[in-house]
Amino acid sequence: MAAGCHPEPVTPSEDLSPPRRPIFFPVVIATVFLTIIGMTGGFVLGERHRNQLAAGQGDSPGSTPAESQTSAYEPKSCPPEAIEFAREQKLPSDLTQIFKVVTVNGTTVWICQDGAGSLYYQSKTGGVDATLIQGQNGLFLTDVVRDGANEYHATAADGAVFRIDTRRLQVRFKTGKTQVNMVETVE
């Protein structure tokens, strides 16, 4: 080459692959993003499982609370008056308490379950020490529906709907009037 001459630019051969783009940062960003999605999904599934165990559902949809509890758990029977009433009505009488609340005005509500998994509602007014007498201060309902973890509702023959959860007992009468009693204790 002579002085003052510029070398000719070199053009890449067609046999060479194109220059590589850096992929480190996109891979790191994708990894972080997928980790966040995985952790969120795991957290949601874990909470759902914990809520099912708290509600007595266990791992499988068909399991009963007795199957999902540890051996240290001793199932409680529903009130003897509820068991006797169920027997008189030709209903299963192997009732186990799965939920119980006492409201601030002294109303006690039990949600009971038979061996087949059907749910029943038993309530008593007049205070925690009052004797339960069906038809006077006691109400026994069948066909209780679980709305969620520790949330239930049942409908009486007169159309009144009873909703119970860990915060309140709500009664919606057929007339549209609603009565709410706040929960004081939960078992």
Protein backbone atom coordinates (compact mmCIF):
# COMPACT_ATOMS: atom_id res chain seq x y z
CA MET A 1 0.00 0.00 0.00
CA ALA A 2 1.16 3.35 -0.83
CA ALA A 3 1.35 6.14 1.65
CA GLY A 4 -1.84 8.15 1.94
CA CYS A 5 -3.95 5.33 0.67
CA HIS A 6 -6.68 4.04 2.77
CA PRO A 7 -7.17 0.35 3.03
CA GLU A 8 -10.26 -1.00 1.43
CA PRO A 9 -13.03 -1.84 3.86
CA VAL A 10 -13.38 -5.49 4.58
CA THR A 11 -16.81 -6.95 3.96
CA PRO A 12 -17.80 -10.02 5.86
CA SER A 13 -17.93 -13.20 3.94
CA GLU A 14 -21.34 -14.71 3.29
CA ASP A 15 -20.10 -17.87 5.01
CA LEU A 16 -19.85 -16.14 8.39
CA SER A 17 -22.80 -15.97 10.76
CA PRO A 18 -24.22 -12.56 11.65
CA PRO A 19 -22.82 -10.89 14.76
CA ARG A 20 -24.28 -12.24 18.03
CA ARG A 21 -26.63 -10.11 20.05
CA PRO A 22 -26.11 -10.07 23.80
CA ILE A 23 -28.78 -12.27 25.43
CA PHE A 24 -27.68 -12.10 29.05
CA PHE A 25 -30.05 -9.30 30.13
CA PRO A 26 -33.19 -10.67 28.39
CA VAL A 27 -32.53 -14.09 29.97
CA VAL A 28 -32.14 -12.54 33.44
CA ILE A 29 -35.32 -10.49 33.03
CA ALA A 30 -37.28 -13.51 31.81
CA THR A 31 -35.98 -15.61 34.73
CA VAL A 32 -36.99 -12.98 37.27
CA PHE A 33 -40.42 -12.61 35.68
CA LEU A 34 -41.06 -16.38 35.65
CA THR A 35 -39.85 -16.68 39.25
CA ILE A 36 -42.35 -14.03 40.36
CA ILE A 37 -45.18 -15.80 38.50
CA GLY A 38 -44.20 -19.14 40.05
CA MET A 39 -43.99 -17.73 43.56
CA THR A 40 -47.36 -16.00 43.21
CA GLY A 41 -49.00 -19.17 41.93
CA GLY A 42 -47.47 -21.21 44.75
CA PHE A 43 -48.64 -18.72 47.34
CA VAL A 44 -52.20 -18.71 45.99
CA LEU A 45 -52.37 -22.51 45.88
CA GLY A 46 -50.89 -22.74 49.38
CA GLU A 47 -53.49 -20.33 50.76
CA ARG A 48 -56.27 -22.26 49.05
CA HIS A 49 -55.00 -25.50 50.57
CA ARG A 50 -54.73 -23.89 54.01
CA ASN A 51 -58.30 -22.57 53.74
CA GLN A 52 -59.57 -26.01 52.72
CA LEU A 53 -57.89 -27.57 55.74
CA ALA A 54 -59.32 -24.87 58.01
CA ALA A 55 -62.78 -25.53 56.56
CA GLY A 56 -62.35 -29.25 57.13
CA GLN A 57 -62.29 -30.25 53.48
CA GLY A 58 -58.90 -31.95 53.47
CA ASP A 59 -56.92 -32.61 50.32
CA SER A 60 -59.64 -34.17 48.23
CA PRO A 61 -63.06 -32.72 47.43
CA GLY A 62 -64.89 -35.76 48.80
CA SER A 63 -63.06 -36.06 52.11
CA THR A 64 -64.83 -35.39 55.39
CA PRO A 65 -63.45 -33.35 58.28
CA ALA A 66 -62.77 -36.49 60.29
CA GLU A 67 -60.49 -37.78 57.52
CA SER A 68 -58.56 -34.52 57.21
CA GLN A 69 -57.90 -33.89 60.90
CA THR A 70 -54.86 -35.04 62.81
CA SER A 71 -55.18 -37.92 65.26
CA ALA A 72 -55.05 -35.43 68.16
CA TYR A 73 -58.37 -33.92 67.01
CA GLU A 74 -61.35 -35.36 68.81
CA PRO A 75 -64.52 -34.61 66.81
CA LYS A 76 -67.31 -32.98 68.81
CA SER A 77 -70.84 -34.23 68.66
CA CYS A 78 -73.62 -31.86 67.84
CA PRO A 79 -76.05 -31.07 70.67
CA PRO A 80 -77.92 -34.17 71.88
CA GLU A 81 -81.21 -32.40 71.09
CA ALA A 82 -80.14 -32.06 67.43
CA ILE A 83 -79.15 -35.71 67.25
CA GLU A 84 -82.44 -36.82 68.81
CA PHE A 85 -84.43 -34.54 66.48
CA ALA A 86 -82.59 -35.94 63.45
CA ARG A 87 -83.35 -39.48 64.63
CA GLU A 88 -87.06 -38.61 65.07
CA GLN A 89 -87.15 -37.13 61.54
CA LYS A 90 -85.58 -40.32 60.12
CA LEU A 91 -82.39 -38.41 59.24
CA PRO A 92 -78.85 -39.63 59.88
CA SER A 93 -78.03 -39.17 63.55
CA ASP A 94 -74.23 -39.54 63.35
CA LEU A 95 -73.87 -35.76 63.51
CA THR A 96 -70.47 -34.20 64.16
CA GLN A 97 -69.96 -30.52 64.89
CA ILE A 98 -67.79 -28.86 62.23
CA PHE A 99 -68.53 -25.23 63.11
CA LYS A 100 -70.01 -23.41 66.10
CA VAL A 101 -70.53 -19.75 66.90
CA VAL A 102 -72.12 -17.77 69.71
CA THR A 103 -73.43 -14.30 68.85
CA VAL A 104 -73.28 -11.25 71.11
CA ASN A 105 -76.99 -11.69 71.93
CA GLY A 106 -76.45 -15.30 73.06
CA THR A 107 -77.69 -17.17 69.98
CA THR A 108 -75.67 -20.35 69.43
CA VAL A 109 -75.38 -21.88 65.96
CA TRP A 110 -73.92 -25.29 65.15
CA ILE A 111 -73.16 -26.60 61.68
CA CYS A 112 -73.19 -30.38 61.83
CA GLN A 113 -72.20 -33.01 59.31
CA ASP A 114 -73.33 -36.61 59.01
CA GLY A 115 -71.17 -39.52 57.91
CA ALA A 116 -72.22 -39.04 54.26
CA GLY A 117 -71.11 -35.39 54.26
CA SER A 118 -74.55 -33.73 54.38
CA LEU A 119 -74.68 -30.52 56.42
CA TYR A 120 -77.25 -29.45 59.02
CA TYR A 121 -77.98 -26.18 60.84
CA GLN A 122 -78.95 -26.15 64.52
CA SER A 123 -79.51 -22.91 66.41
CA LYS A 124 -80.62 -21.99 69.90
CA THR A 125 -81.68 -18.60 71.28
CA GLY A 126 -81.95 -17.44 74.88
CA GLY A 127 -78.29 -17.51 75.90
CA VAL A 128 -75.58 -20.13 76.10
CA ASP A 129 -77.06 -21.70 79.27
CA ALA A 130 -80.61 -21.97 77.90
CA THR A 131 -82.00 -25.45 77.31
CA LEU A 132 -82.44 -26.21 73.61
CA ILE A 133 -86.07 -27.05 72.82
CA GLN A 134 -86.82 -27.69 69.14
CA GLY A 135 -89.67 -25.52 67.87
CA GLN A 136 -89.44 -23.07 70.80
CA ASN A 137 -85.92 -21.68 70.99
CA GLY A 138 -84.29 -24.22 68.68
CA LEU A 139 -84.26 -24.48 64.88
CA PHE A 140 -82.96 -27.51 62.98
CA LEU A 141 -82.51 -27.16 59.19
CA THR A 142 -81.36 -29.63 56.56
CA ASP A 143 -79.77 -28.99 53.16
CA VAL A 144 -77.16 -26.54 54.43
CA VAL A 145 -74.86 -25.17 51.71
CA ARG A 146 -71.21 -24.33 52.29
CA ASP A 147 -70.43 -21.00 50.62
CA GLY A 148 -66.73 -20.94 51.50
CA ALA A 149 -64.38 -21.55 54.38
CA ASN A 150 -66.63 -21.34 57.46
CA GLU A 151 -69.49 -19.73 55.53
CA TYR A 152 -72.85 -21.50 55.35
CA HIS A 153 -76.48 -20.82 54.49
CA ALA A 154 -79.75 -22.68 54.95
CA THR A 155 -83.36 -21.92 54.08
CA ALA A 156 -86.23 -22.56 56.50
CA ALA A 157 -89.65 -23.85 55.42
CA ASP A 158 -91.10 -20.31 55.75
CA GLY A 159 -88.52 -18.95 53.28
CA ALA A 160 -86.20 -17.29 55.80
CA VAL A 161 -82.53 -17.62 54.80
CA PHE A 162 -79.93 -18.04 57.54
CA ARG A 163 -76.33 -17.12 56.69
CA ILE A 164 -73.57 -17.77 59.18
CA ASP A 165 -69.83 -17.15 59.11
CA THR A 166 -67.12 -16.24 61.60
CA ARG A 167 -68.30 -12.62 61.79
CA ARG A 168 -72.10 -12.64 61.83
CA LEU A 169 -75.40 -14.48 61.74
CA GLN A 170 -77.69 -12.89 59.15
CA VAL A 171 -81.35 -13.82 58.82
CA ARG A 172 -83.23 -12.59 55.75
CA PHE A 173 -86.94 -13.09 56.20
CA LYS A 174 -89.37 -13.75 53.36
CA THR A 175 -90.73 -10.21 53.86
CA GLY A 176 -87.31 -8.81 52.93
CA LYS A 177 -86.43 -7.70 56.45
CA THR A 178 -82.88 -8.60 57.52
CA GLN A 179 -81.61 -9.18 61.05
CA VAL A 180 -77.87 -9.29 61.78
CA ASN A 181 -76.22 -10.56 64.97
CA MET A 182 -72.46 -10.20 65.31
CA VAL A 183 -70.45 -13.25 66.37
CA GLU A 184 -68.71 -13.18 69.74
CA THR A 185 -66.99 -16.59 69.83
CA VAL A 186 -66.12 -19.21 67.19
CA GLU A 187 -65.30 -22.90 67.73
